Structure formats: structure tokens, C-alpha cells
PDB file of N, CA and C in Angstrom:
ATOM      1  N   MET A   1      77.212 105.145 -54.714  1.00  0.00           N
ATOM      2  CA  MET A   1      77.554 106.545 -54.604  1.00  0.00           C
ATOM      3  C   MET A   1      76.278 107.379 -54.482  1.00  0.00           C
ATOM      4  N   ALA A   2      76.262 108.287 -53.549  1.00  0.00           N
ATOM      5  CA  ALA A   2      75.079 109.110 -53.311  1.00  0.00           C
ATOM      6  C   ALA A   2      74.908 110.146 -54.420  1.00  0.00           C
ATOM      7  N   THR A   3      73.680 110.307 -54.874  1.00  0.00           N
ATOM      8  CA  THR A   3      73.393 111.334 -55.876  1.00  0.00           C
ATOM      9  C   THR A   3      73.197 112.677 -55.176  1.00  0.00           C
ATOM     10  N   ILE A   4      73.162 113.724 -55.954  1.00  0.00           N
ATOM     11  CA  ILE A   4      72.896 115.045 -55.397  1.00  0.00           C
ATOM     12  C   ILE A   4      71.526 115.061 -54.708  1.00  0.00           C
ATOM     13  N   PHE A   5      70.555 114.318 -55.250  1.00  0.00           N
ATOM     14  CA  PHE A   5      69.228 114.285 -54.624  1.00  0.00           C
ATOM     15  C   PHE A   5      69.277 113.597 -53.268  1.00  0.00           C
ATOM     16  N   SER A   6      70.030 112.514 -53.167  1.00  0.00           N
ATOM     17  CA  SER A   6      70.179 111.847 -51.872  1.00  0.00           C
ATOM     18  C   SER A   6      70.808 112.791 -50.866  1.00  0.00           C
ATOM     19  N   ARG A   7      71.770 113.567 -51.309  1.00  0.00           N
ATOM     20  CA  ARG A   7      72.445 114.509 -50.411  1.00  0.00           C
ATOM     21  C   ARG A   7      71.511 115.649 -49.998  1.00  0.00           C
ATOM     22  N   ILE A   8      70.613 116.063 -50.897  1.00  0.00           N
ATOM     23  CA  ILE A   8      69.610 117.073 -50.538  1.00  0.00           C
ATOM     24  C   ILE A   8      68.636 116.491 -49.522  1.00  0.00           C
ATOM     25  N   ILE A   9      68.170 115.276 -49.750  1.00  0.00           N
ATOM     26  CA  ILE A   9      67.241 114.615 -48.817  1.00  0.00           C
ATOM     27  C   ILE A   9      67.867 114.509 -47.431  1.00  0.00           C
ATOM     28  N   GLN A  10      69.170 114.207 -47.372  1.00  0.00           N
ATOM     29  CA  GLN A  10      69.882 114.082 -46.092  1.00  0.00           C
ATOM     30  C   GLN A  10      70.293 115.439 -45.515  1.00  0.00           C
ATOM     31  N   ARG A  11      69.949 116.526 -46.231  1.00  0.00           N
ATOM     32  CA  ARG A  11      70.269 117.902 -45.808  1.00  0.00           C
ATOM     33  C   ARG A  11      71.770 118.187 -45.802  1.00  0.00           C
ATOM     34  N   GLU A  12      72.499 117.478 -46.640  1.00  0.00           N
ATOM     35  CA  GLU A  12      73.930 117.742 -46.794  1.00  0.00           C
ATOM     36  C   GLU A  12      74.168 118.896 -47.760  1.00  0.00           C
ATOM     37  N   ILE A  13      73.212 119.124 -48.644  1.00  0.00           N
ATOM     38  CA  ILE A  13      73.268 120.202 -49.635  1.00  0.00           C
ATOM     39  C   ILE A  13      71.979 121.013 -49.490  1.00  0.00           C
ATOM     40  N   PRO A  14      72.071 122.343 -49.444  1.00  0.00           N
ATOM     41  CA  PRO A  14      70.856 123.146 -49.336  1.00  0.00           C
ATOM     42  C   PRO A  14      70.067 123.145 -50.644  1.00  0.00           C
ATOM     43  N   ALA A  15      68.764 123.322 -50.533  1.00  0.00           N
ATOM     44  CA  ALA A  15      67.884 123.386 -51.699  1.00  0.00           C
ATOM     45  C   ALA A  15      66.666 124.218 -51.336  1.00  0.00           C
ATOM     46  N   ASN A  16      66.004 124.734 -52.356  1.00  0.00           N
ATOM     47  CA  ASN A  16      64.778 125.508 -52.169  1.00  0.00           C
ATOM     48  C   ASN A  16      63.603 124.530 -52.133  1.00  0.00           C
ATOM     49  N   ILE A  17      63.359 123.948 -50.964  1.00  0.00           N
ATOM     50  CA  ILE A  17      62.323 122.925 -50.802  1.00  0.00           C
ATOM     51  C   ILE A  17      60.973 123.605 -50.622  1.00  0.00           C
ATOM     52  N   LEU A  18      60.021 123.200 -51.465  1.00  0.00           N
ATOM     53  CA  LEU A  18      58.680 123.774 -51.449  1.00  0.00           C
ATOM     54  C   LEU A  18      57.675 122.887 -50.731  1.00  0.00           C
ATOM     55  N   TYR A  19      57.957 121.605 -50.676  1.00  0.00           N
ATOM     56  CA  TYR A  19      57.020 120.638 -50.092  1.00  0.00           C
ATOM     57  C   TYR A  19      57.820 119.437 -49.628  1.00  0.00           C
ATOM     58  N   GLU A  20      57.388 118.853 -48.511  1.00  0.00           N
ATOM     59  CA  GLU A  20      58.010 117.621 -48.032  1.00  0.00           C
ATOM     60  C   GLU A  20      56.999 116.845 -47.219  1.00  0.00           C
ATOM     61  N   ASP A  21      57.027 115.535 -47.379  1.00  0.00           N
ATOM     62  CA  ASP A  21      56.255 114.636 -46.527  1.00  0.00           C
ATOM     63  C   ASP A  21      57.121 113.419 -46.232  1.00  0.00           C
ATOM     64  N   GLU A  22      56.542 112.374 -45.713  1.00  0.00           N
ATOM     65  CA  GLU A  22      57.319 111.199 -45.302  1.00  0.00           C
ATOM     66  C   GLU A  22      57.937 110.445 -46.477  1.00  0.00           C
ATOM     67  N   SER A  23      57.407 110.641 -47.693  1.00  0.00           N
ATOM     68  CA  SER A  23      57.846 109.855 -48.846  1.00  0.00           C
ATOM     69  C   SER A  23      58.618 110.622 -49.905  1.00  0.00           C
ATOM     70  N   CYS A  24      58.455 111.939 -49.940  1.00  0.00           N
ATOM     71  CA  CYS A  24      59.065 112.704 -51.026  1.00  0.00           C
ATOM     72  C   CYS A  24      59.288 114.150 -50.629  1.00  0.00           C
ATOM     73  N   LEU A  25      60.003 114.846 -51.502  1.00  0.00           N
ATOM     74  CA  LEU A  25      60.104 116.295 -51.348  1.00  0.00           C
ATOM     75  C   LEU A  25      60.085 116.921 -52.732  1.00  0.00           C
ATOM     76  N   ALA A  26      59.720 118.200 -52.764  1.00  0.00           N
ATOM     77  CA  ALA A  26      59.672 118.959 -54.013  1.00  0.00           C
ATOM     78  C   ALA A  26      60.544 120.188 -53.849  1.00  0.00           C
ATOM     79  N   LEU A  27      61.334 120.462 -54.867  1.00  0.00           N
ATOM     80  CA  LEU A  27      62.242 121.601 -54.800  1.00  0.00           C
ATOM     81  C   LEU A  27      62.344 122.263 -56.160  1.00  0.00           C
ATOM     82  N   ARG A  28      62.731 123.528 -56.144  1.00  0.00           N
ATOM     83  CA  ARG A  28      62.920 124.253 -57.398  1.00  0.00           C
ATOM     84  C   ARG A  28      64.155 123.721 -58.123  1.00  0.00           C
ATOM     85  N   ASP A  29      64.030 123.566 -59.437  1.00  0.00           N
ATOM     86  CA  ASP A  29      65.158 123.116 -60.250  1.00  0.00           C
ATOM     87  C   ASP A  29      66.169 124.257 -60.359  1.00  0.00           C
ATOM     88  N   VAL A  30      67.448 123.948 -60.213  1.00  0.00           N
ATOM     89  CA  VAL A  30      68.487 124.981 -60.285  1.00  0.00           C
ATOM     90  C   VAL A  30      68.779 125.400 -61.728  1.00  0.00           C
ATOM     91  N   ASN A  31      68.282 124.641 -62.702  1.00  0.00           N
ATOM     92  CA  ASN A  31      68.449 124.967 -64.119  1.00  0.00           C
ATOM     93  C   ASN A  31      67.077 124.936 -64.786  1.00  0.00           C
ATOM     94  N   PRO A  32      66.211 125.903 -64.456  1.00  0.00           N
ATOM     95  CA  PRO A  32      64.811 125.831 -64.908  1.00  0.00           C
ATOM     96  C   PRO A  32      64.654 125.896 -66.424  1.00  0.00           C
ATOM     97  N   GLN A  33      63.740 125.077 -66.924  1.00  0.00           N
ATOM     98  CA  GLN A  33      63.414 125.030 -68.343  1.00  0.00           C
ATOM     99  C   GLN A  33      62.068 125.674 -68.639  1.00  0.00           C
ATOM    100  N   ALA A  34      61.459 126.268 -67.623  1.00  0.00           N
ATOM    101  CA  ALA A  34      60.188 126.980 -67.739  1.00  0.00           C
ATOM    102  C   ALA A  34      60.117 127.938 -66.556  1.00  0.00           C
ATOM    103  N   PRO A  35      59.239 128.946 -66.613  1.00  0.00           N
ATOM    104  CA  PRO A  35      59.128 129.862 -65.478  1.00  0.00           C
ATOM    105  C   PRO A  35      58.886 129.151 -64.147  1.00  0.00           C
ATOM    106  N   THR A  36      58.113 128.088 -64.173  1.00  0.00           N
ATOM    107  CA  THR A  36      57.963 127.216 -63.004  1.00  0.00           C
ATOM    108  C   THR A  36      58.573 125.877 -63.370  1.00  0.00           C
ATOM    109  N   HIS A  37      59.581 125.457 -62.607  1.00  0.00           N
ATOM    110  CA  HIS A  37      60.221 124.165 -62.839  1.00  0.00           C
ATOM    111  C   HIS A  37      60.600 123.597 -61.476  1.00  0.00           C
ATOM    112  N   VAL A  38      59.842 122.595 -61.067  1.00  0.00           N
ATOM    113  CA  VAL A  38      59.991 121.976 -59.749  1.00  0.00           C
ATOM    114  C   VAL A  38      60.229 120.490 -59.940  1.00  0.00           C
ATOM    115  N   LEU A  39      61.070 119.915 -59.097  1.00  0.00           N
ATOM    116  CA  LEU A  39      61.334 118.481 -59.108  1.00  0.00           C
ATOM    117  C   LEU A  39      60.645 117.834 -57.915  1.00  0.00           C
ATOM    118  N   VAL A  40      59.998 116.711 -58.131  1.00  0.00           N
ATOM    119  CA  VAL A  40      59.414 115.910 -57.054  1.00  0.00           C
ATOM    120  C   VAL A  40      60.260 114.644 -56.968  1.00  0.00           C
ATOM    121  N   ILE A  41      60.860 114.438 -55.797  1.00  0.00           N
ATOM    122  CA  ILE A  41      61.859 113.392 -55.622  1.00  0.00           C
ATOM    123  C   ILE A  41      61.416 112.438 -54.514  1.00  0.00           C
ATOM    124  N   PRO A  42      61.369 111.144 -54.789  1.00  0.00           N
ATOM    125  CA  PRO A  42      61.072 110.202 -53.713  1.00  0.00           C
ATOM    126  C   PRO A  42      62.262 110.108 -52.758  1.00  0.00           C
ATOM    127  N   LYS A  43      61.984 109.920 -51.487  1.00  0.00           N
ATOM    128  CA  LYS A  43      63.071 109.732 -50.526  1.00  0.00           C
ATOM    129  C   LYS A  43      63.729 108.363 -50.700  1.00  0.00           C
ATOM    130  N   LYS A  44      62.977 107.406 -51.217  1.00  0.00           N
ATOM    131  CA  LYS A  44      63.549 106.105 -51.524  1.00  0.00           C
ATOM    132  C   LYS A  44      64.382 106.234 -52.789  1.00  0.00           C
ATOM    133  N   GLU A  45      65.582 105.705 -52.771  1.00  0.00           N
ATOM    134  CA  GLU A  45      66.443 105.769 -53.940  1.00  0.00           C
ATOM    135  C   GLU A  45      66.027 104.714 -54.960  1.00  0.00           C
ATOM    136  N   ILE A  46      65.570 105.194 -56.103  1.00  0.00           N
ATOM    137  CA  ILE A  46      65.248 104.363 -57.257  1.00  0.00           C
ATOM    138  C   ILE A  46      65.943 105.054 -58.422  1.00  0.00           C
ATOM    139  N   ALA A  47      66.863 104.382 -59.087  1.00  0.00           N
ATOM    140  CA  ALA A  47      67.684 105.040 -60.110  1.00  0.00           C
ATOM    141  C   ALA A  47      66.857 105.559 -61.285  1.00  0.00           C
ATOM    142  N   THR A  48      66.010 104.708 -61.853  1.00  0.00           N
ATOM    143  CA  THR A  48      65.200 105.083 -63.015  1.00  0.00           C
ATOM    144  C   THR A  48      63.795 104.506 -62.830  1.00  0.00           C
ATOM    145  N   LEU A  49      62.885 104.975 -63.650  1.00  0.00           N
ATOM    146  CA  LEU A  49      61.519 104.463 -63.556  1.00  0.00           C
ATOM    147  C   LEU A  49      61.479 102.953 -63.782  1.00  0.00           C
ATOM    148  N   VAL A  50      62.280 102.443 -64.704  1.00  0.00           N
ATOM    149  CA  VAL A  50      62.251 101.005 -64.970  1.00  0.00           C
ATOM    150  C   VAL A  50      62.871 100.186 -63.848  1.00  0.00           C
ATOM    151  N   ASP A  51      63.541 100.840 -62.916  1.00  0.00           N
ATOM    152  CA  ASP A  51      64.064 100.143 -61.743  1.00  0.00           C
ATOM    153  C   ASP A  51      63.018 100.014 -60.633  1.00  0.00           C
ATOM    154  N   ALA A  52      61.894 100.697 -60.776  1.00  0.00           N
ATOM    155  CA  ALA A  52      60.824 100.576 -59.792  1.00  0.00           C
ATOM    156  C   ALA A  52      60.253  99.157 -59.842  1.00  0.00           C
ATOM    157  N   THR A  53      59.807  98.682 -58.697  1.00  0.00           N
ATOM    158  CA  THR A  53      59.252  97.335 -58.593  1.00  0.00           C
ATOM    159  C   THR A  53      57.765  97.419 -58.246  1.00  0.00           C
ATOM    160  N   PRO A  54      57.053  96.305 -58.304  1.00  0.00           N
ATOM    161  CA  PRO A  54      55.653  96.328 -57.898  1.00  0.00           C
ATOM    162  C   PRO A  54      55.460  96.878 -56.473  1.00  0.00           C
ATOM    163  N   GLU A  55      56.445  96.708 -55.606  1.00  0.00           N
ATOM    164  CA  GLU A  55      56.353  97.233 -54.253  1.00  0.00           C
ATOM    165  C   GLU A  55      56.380  98.766 -54.229  1.00  0.00           C
ATOM    166  N   ASP A  56      56.822  99.382 -55.319  1.00  0.00           N
ATOM    167  CA  ASP A  56      56.888 100.844 -55.410  1.00  0.00           C
ATOM    168  C   ASP A  56      55.619 101.470 -55.982  1.00  0.00           C
ATOM    169  N   GLN A  57      54.620 100.660 -56.275  1.00  0.00           N
ATOM    170  CA  GLN A  57      53.411 101.167 -56.920  1.00  0.00           C
ATOM    171  C   GLN A  57      52.771 102.303 -56.126  1.00  0.00           C
ATOM    172  N   ALA A  58      52.603 102.139 -54.837  1.00  0.00           N
ATOM    173  CA  ALA A  58      51.974 103.185 -54.022  1.00  0.00           C
ATOM    174  C   ALA A  58      52.839 104.450 -54.015  1.00  0.00           C
ATOM    175  N   LEU A  59      54.144 104.291 -53.940  1.00  0.00           N
ATOM    176  CA  LEU A  59      55.042 105.443 -53.954  1.00  0.00           C
ATOM    177  C   LEU A  59      54.927 106.206 -55.269  1.00  0.00           C
ATOM    178  N   LEU A  60      54.874 105.498 -56.381  1.00  0.00           N
ATOM    179  CA  LEU A  60      54.764 106.158 -57.679  1.00  0.00           C
ATOM    180  C   LEU A  60      53.463 106.954 -57.775  1.00  0.00           C
ATOM    181  N   GLY A  61      52.375 106.396 -57.299  1.00  0.00           N
ATOM    182  CA  GLY A  61      51.111 107.140 -57.258  1.00  0.00           C
ATOM    183  C   GLY A  61      51.203 108.339 -56.339  1.00  0.00           C
ATOM    184  N   HIS A  62      51.873 108.165 -55.215  1.00  0.00           N
ATOM    185  CA  HIS A  62      52.053 109.260 -54.258  1.00  0.00           C
ATOM    186  C   HIS A  62      52.809 110.419 -54.897  1.00  0.00           C
ATOM    187  N   LEU A  63      53.828 110.117 -55.708  1.00  0.00           N
ATOM    188  CA  LEU A  63      54.588 111.169 -56.384  1.00  0.00           C
ATOM    189  C   LEU A  63      53.688 111.992 -57.300  1.00  0.00           C
ATOM    190  N   MET A  64      52.791 111.338 -58.008  1.00  0.00           N
ATOM    191  CA  MET A  64      51.872 112.065 -58.887  1.00  0.00           C
ATOM    192  C   MET A  64      50.935 112.965 -58.081  1.00  0.00           C
ATOM    193  N   LEU A  65      50.411 112.454 -56.973  1.00  0.00           N
ATOM    194  CA  LEU A  65      49.537 113.271 -56.133  1.00  0.00           C
ATOM    195  C   LEU A  65      50.301 114.426 -55.497  1.00  0.00           C
ATOM    196  N   ALA A  66      51.549 114.192 -55.117  1.00  0.00           N
ATOM    197  CA  ALA A  66      52.373 115.272 -54.571  1.00  0.00           C
ATOM    198  C   ALA A  66      52.613 116.332 -55.637  1.00  0.00           C
ATOM    199  N   ALA A  67      52.851 115.922 -56.877  1.00  0.00           N
ATOM    200  CA  ALA A  67      53.050 116.877 -57.962  1.00  0.00           C
ATOM    201  C   ALA A  67      51.804 117.738 -58.155  1.00  0.00           C
ATOM    202  N   ALA A  68      50.639 117.133 -58.110  1.00  0.00           N
ATOM    203  CA  ALA A  68      49.393 117.897 -58.244  1.00  0.00           C
ATOM    204  C   ALA A  68      49.237 118.878 -57.080  1.00  0.00           C
ATOM    205  N   ARG A  69      49.584 118.431 -55.900  1.00  0.00           N
ATOM    206  CA  ARG A  69      49.498 119.310 -54.724  1.00  0.00           C
ATOM    207  C   ARG A  69      50.431 120.519 -54.874  1.00  0.00           C
ATOM    208  N   VAL A  70      51.641 120.270 -55.326  1.00  0.00           N
ATOM    209  CA  VAL A  70      52.603 121.358 -55.516  1.00  0.00           C
ATOM    210  C   VAL A  70      52.121 122.304 -56.618  1.00  0.00           C
ATOM    211  N   ALA A  71      51.570 121.767 -57.700  1.00  0.00           N
ATOM    212  CA  ALA A  71      51.037 122.611 -58.769  1.00  0.00           C
ATOM    213  C   ALA A  71      49.932 123.522 -58.241  1.00  0.00           C
ATOM    214  N   ARG A  72      49.040 122.969 -57.421  1.00  0.00           N
ATOM    215  CA  ARG A  72      47.995 123.801 -56.802  1.00  0.00           C
ATOM    216  C   ARG A  72      48.618 124.862 -55.908  1.00  0.00           C
ATOM    217  N   GLN A  73      49.590 124.458 -55.098  1.00  0.00           N
ATOM    218  CA  GLN A  73      50.271 125.366 -54.172  1.00  0.00           C
ATOM    219  C   GLN A  73      50.912 126.538 -54.922  1.00  0.00           C
ATOM    220  N   LEU A  74      51.457 126.275 -56.095  1.00  0.00           N
ATOM    221  CA  LEU A  74      52.140 127.297 -56.882  1.00  0.00           C
ATOM    222  C   LEU A  74      51.202 128.074 -57.803  1.00  0.00           C
ATOM    223  N   GLY A  75      49.932 127.690 -57.830  1.00  0.00           N
ATOM    224  CA  GLY A  75      48.966 128.396 -58.665  1.00  0.00           C
ATOM    225  C   GLY A  75      49.058 128.081 -60.144  1.00  0.00           C
ATOM    226  N   VAL A  76      49.581 126.910 -60.478  1.00  0.00           N
ATOM    227  CA  VAL A  76      49.716 126.526 -61.890  1.00  0.00           C
ATOM    228  C   VAL A  76      48.903 125.278 -62.225  1.00  0.00           C
ATOM    229  N   SER A  77      47.942 124.939 -61.393  1.00  0.00           N
ATOM    230  CA  SER A  77      47.228 123.676 -61.578  1.00  0.00           C
ATOM    231  C   SER A  77      46.344 123.653 -62.817  1.00  0.00           C
ATOM    232  N   ASP A  78      46.124 124.798 -63.465  1.00  0.00           N
ATOM    233  CA  ASP A  78      45.302 124.805 -64.669  1.00  0.00           C
ATOM    234  C   ASP A  78      46.083 124.381 -65.911  1.00  0.00           C
ATOM    235  N   ALA A  79      47.422 124.462 -65.867  1.00  0.00           N
ATOM    236  CA  ALA A  79      48.226 124.093 -67.042  1.00  0.00           C
ATOM    237  C   ALA A  79      49.663 123.815 -66.619  1.00  0.00           C
ATOM    238  N   PHE A  80      50.014 122.551 -66.596  1.00  0.00           N
ATOM    239  CA  PHE A  80      51.394 122.174 -66.296  1.00  0.00           C
ATOM    240  C   PHE A  80      51.699 120.849 -66.970  1.00  0.00           C
ATOM    241  N   ARG A  81      52.980 120.565 -67.084  1.00  0.00           N
ATOM    242  CA  ARG A  81      53.428 119.318 -67.691  1.00  0.00           C
ATOM    243  C   ARG A  81      54.252 118.555 -66.668  1.00  0.00           C
ATOM    244  N   ILE A  82      54.064 117.239 -66.629  1.00  0.00           N
ATOM    245  CA  ILE A  82      54.875 116.336 -65.804  1.00  0.00           C
ATOM    246  C   ILE A  82      55.782 115.562 -66.754  1.00  0.00           C
ATOM    247  N   VAL A  83      57.078 115.542 -66.440  1.00  0.00           N
ATOM    248  CA  VAL A  83      58.047 114.822 -67.273  1.00  0.00           C
ATOM    249  C   VAL A  83      58.860 113.900 -66.380  1.00  0.00           C
ATOM    250  N   VAL A  84      59.053 112.673 -66.851  1.00  0.00           N
ATOM    251  CA  VAL A  84      59.984 111.732 -66.227  1.00  0.00           C
ATOM    252  C   VAL A  84      60.931 111.279 -67.324  1.00  0.00           C
ATOM    253  N   ASN A  85      62.197 111.597 -67.168  1.00  0.00           N
ATOM    254  CA  ASN A  85      63.219 111.144 -68.117  1.00  0.00           C
ATOM    255  C   ASN A  85      63.778 109.817 -67.596  1.00  0.00           C
ATOM    256  N   ASN A  86      63.858 108.826 -68.463  1.00  0.00           N
ATOM    257  CA  ASN A  86      64.371 107.517 -68.073  1.00  0.00           C
ATOM    258  C   ASN A  86      65.590 107.186 -68.914  1.00  0.00           C
ATOM    259  N   GLY A  87      66.765 107.334 -68.320  1.00  0.00           N
ATOM    260  CA  GLY A  87      68.006 107.022 -69.014  1.00  0.00           C
ATOM    261  C   GLY A  87      68.668 108.252 -69.611  1.00  0.00           C
ATOM    262  N   ALA A  88      69.972 108.154 -69.799  1.00  0.00           N
ATOM    263  CA  ALA A  88      70.761 109.284 -70.290  1.00  0.00           C
ATOM    264  C   ALA A  88      70.289 109.767 -71.662  1.00  0.00           C
ATOM    265  N   ASP A  89      69.947 108.858 -72.570  1.00  0.00           N
ATOM    266  CA  ASP A  89      69.514 109.269 -73.908  1.00  0.00           C
ATOM    267  C   ASP A  89      68.168 109.977 -73.891  1.00  0.00           C
ATOM    268  N   ALA A  90      67.419 109.830 -72.813  1.00  0.00           N
ATOM    269  CA  ALA A  90      66.138 110.536 -72.663  1.00  0.00           C
ATOM    270  C   ALA A  90      66.304 111.844 -71.896  1.00  0.00           C
ATOM    271  N   GLY A  91      67.532 112.147 -71.481  1.00  0.00           N
ATOM    272  CA  GLY A  91      67.781 113.404 -70.792  1.00  0.00           C
ATOM    273  C   GLY A  91      67.953 113.283 -69.287  1.00  0.00           C
ATOM    274  N   GLN A  92      67.934 112.068 -68.751  1.00  0.00           N
ATOM    275  CA  GLN A  92      68.126 111.912 -67.309  1.00  0.00           C
ATOM    276  C   GLN A  92      69.588 112.149 -66.980  1.00  0.00           C
ATOM    277  N   SER A  93      69.845 113.117 -66.096  1.00  0.00           N
ATOM    278  CA  SER A  93      71.233 113.419 -65.716  1.00  0.00           C
ATOM    279  C   SER A  93      71.532 113.057 -64.273  1.00  0.00           C
ATOM    280  N   VAL A  94      70.506 112.914 -63.451  1.00  0.00           N
ATOM    281  CA  VAL A  94      70.673 112.448 -62.070  1.00  0.00           C
ATOM    282  C   VAL A  94      69.926 111.128 -61.969  1.00  0.00           C
ATOM    283  N   PHE A  95      70.649 110.074 -61.614  1.00  0.00           N
ATOM    284  CA  PHE A  95      70.038 108.749 -61.593  1.00  0.00           C
ATOM    285  C   PHE A  95      69.448 108.438 -60.226  1.00  0.00           C
ATOM    286  N   HIS A  96      68.439 109.242 -59.909  1.00  0.00           N
ATOM    287  CA  HIS A  96      67.538 109.087 -58.764  1.00  0.00           C
ATOM    288  C   HIS A  96      66.204 109.556 -59.336  1.00  0.00           C
ATOM    289  N   LEU A  97      65.260 108.641 -59.487  1.00  0.00           N
ATOM    290  CA  LEU A  97      63.971 108.939 -60.099  1.00  0.00           C
ATOM    291  C   LEU A  97      63.435 110.283 -59.615  1.00  0.00           C
ATOM    292  N   HIS A  98      62.896 111.069 -60.517  1.00  0.00           N
ATOM    293  CA  HIS A  98      62.273 112.341 -60.147  1.00  0.00           C
ATOM    294  C   HIS A  98      61.301 112.774 -61.235  1.00  0.00           C
ATOM    295  N   LEU A  99      60.292 113.531 -60.822  1.00  0.00           N
ATOM    296  CA  LEU A  99      59.313 114.100 -61.735  1.00  0.00           C
ATOM    297  C   LEU A  99      59.618 115.574 -61.892  1.00  0.00           C
ATOM    298  N   HIS A 100      59.522 116.075 -63.103  1.00  0.00           N
ATOM    299  CA  HIS A 100      59.637 117.504 -63.371  1.00  0.00           C
ATOM    300  C   HIS A 100      58.220 118.065 -63.491  1.00  0.00           C
ATOM    301  N   ILE A 101      57.929 119.135 -62.783  1.00  0.00           N
ATOM    302  CA  ILE A 101      56.704 119.911 -62.979  1.00  0.00           C
ATOM    303  C   ILE A 101      57.134 121.159 -63.740  1.00  0.00           C
ATOM    304  N   LEU A 102      56.604 121.321 -64.935  1.00  0.00           N
ATOM    305  CA  LEU A 102      56.932 122.475 -65.769  1.00  0.00           C
ATOM    306  C   LEU A 102      55.662 123.271 -66.030  1.00  0.00           C
ATOM    307  N   ALA A 103      55.734 124.588 -65.861  1.00  0.00           N
ATOM    308  CA  ALA A 103      54.555 125.431 -66.073  1.00  0.00           C
ATOM    309  C   ALA A 103      55.005 126.867 -66.321  1.00  0.00           C
ATOM    310  N   GLY A 104      54.039 127.685 -66.700  1.00  0.00           N
ATOM    311  CA  GLY A 104      54.300 129.109 -66.854  1.00  0.00           C
ATOM    312  C   GLY A 104      54.616 129.540 -68.270  1.00  0.00           C
ATOM    313  N   ARG A 105      54.549 128.617 -69.205  1.00  0.00           N
ATOM    314  CA  ARG A 105      54.704 128.947 -70.618  1.00  0.00           C
ATOM    315  C   ARG A 105      53.912 127.943 -71.436  1.00  0.00           C
ATOM    316  N   LYS A 106      53.662 128.273 -72.681  1.00  0.00           N
ATOM    317  CA  LYS A 106      52.943 127.358 -73.571  1.00  0.00           C
ATOM    318  C   LYS A 106      53.889 126.255 -74.027  1.00  0.00           C
ATOM    319  N   PHE A 107      53.432 125.026 -73.979  1.00  0.00           N
ATOM    320  CA  PHE A 107      54.219 123.882 -74.403  1.00  0.00           C
ATOM    321  C   PHE A 107      53.720 123.388 -75.748  1.00  0.00           C
ATOM    322  N   ARG A 108      54.615 122.902 -76.542  1.00  0.00           N
ATOM    323  CA  ARG A 108      54.296 122.370 -77.868  1.00  0.00           C
ATOM    324  C   ARG A 108      54.240 120.851 -77.825  1.00  0.00           C
ATOM    325  N   TRP A 109      53.640 120.279 -78.865  1.00  0.00           N
ATOM    326  CA  TRP A 109      53.601 118.832 -79.015  1.00  0.00           C
ATOM    327  C   TRP A 109      53.963 118.497 -80.438  1.00  0.00           C
ATOM    328  N   PRO A 110      54.831 117.561 -80.706  1.00  0.00           N
ATOM    329  CA  PRO A 110      55.505 116.703 -79.738  1.00  0.00           C
ATOM    330  C   PRO A 110      56.599 117.480 -78.996  1.00  0.00           C
ATOM    331  N   PRO A 111      56.967 116.981 -77.797  1.00  0.00           N
ATOM    332  CA  PRO A 111      57.883 117.725 -76.942  1.00  0.00           C
ATOM    333  C   PRO A 111      59.325 117.733 -77.397  1.00  0.00           C
ATOM    334  N   GLY A 112      59.791 116.819 -78.185  1.00  0.00           N
ATOM    335  CA  GLY A 112      61.003 116.903 -78.777  1.00  0.00           C
ATOM    336  C   GLY A 112      62.316 116.531 -78.515  1.00  0.00           C
TER     337      GLY A 112
END
């Protein structure tokens, strides 16, 4: 079954896309948890981080570099948080791997 992210990648559902390349896209989260909340989504469907294989190593690195690029583009590169939720108990609600870029407010530790 296609996830909402797969449908966005296929342009079946509109989204506020901020960045796209051959491997991923970045879009604004529709339920932001910070003033800046962007998702970086690989075009390859990988349900969770633990489902990634050694063949996905370059893609996973690419996602991190894309997140940094988007943070620079948005002017938040001096302070942002990257979050990957793995599994429902960790807060993952869409089972298509994605990175959250959160910025624009002070974050506490531990995150909670």
C-alpha cells in the first residue's frame, strides 16, 4: 500500500516542496512541531531506518547532506535538530523513512 509520502513523490497529492533532486525531496510538515519543520524523504521506499540495507548507505548519507542544504536554504543552519523516528512507539506515523528538520525555537535535552 502506498504511503502518503509515496503519493507526494508521484505528485498524486500536492505538497509544499522546498527541495528536490534525483534521490529525495524536502517539504514542509503539515503538522509543524517548531517554527521550521521540514521533512526530507527518500524517493526510494524504505519503511524504517532498520529496514535500510548496506546498499542504502550512500542514500542515507545523501539525506543528511540534503537536510544540511535545506537548513542553509532556510537560514537555520546555525541551530537545528534532525530527528528520525523508527517505529510507532518512537513516534513514526508514516512508514516511509524520513528525516525531520526542526528549527526556530530552543530545544531541550533530553528530547523526551
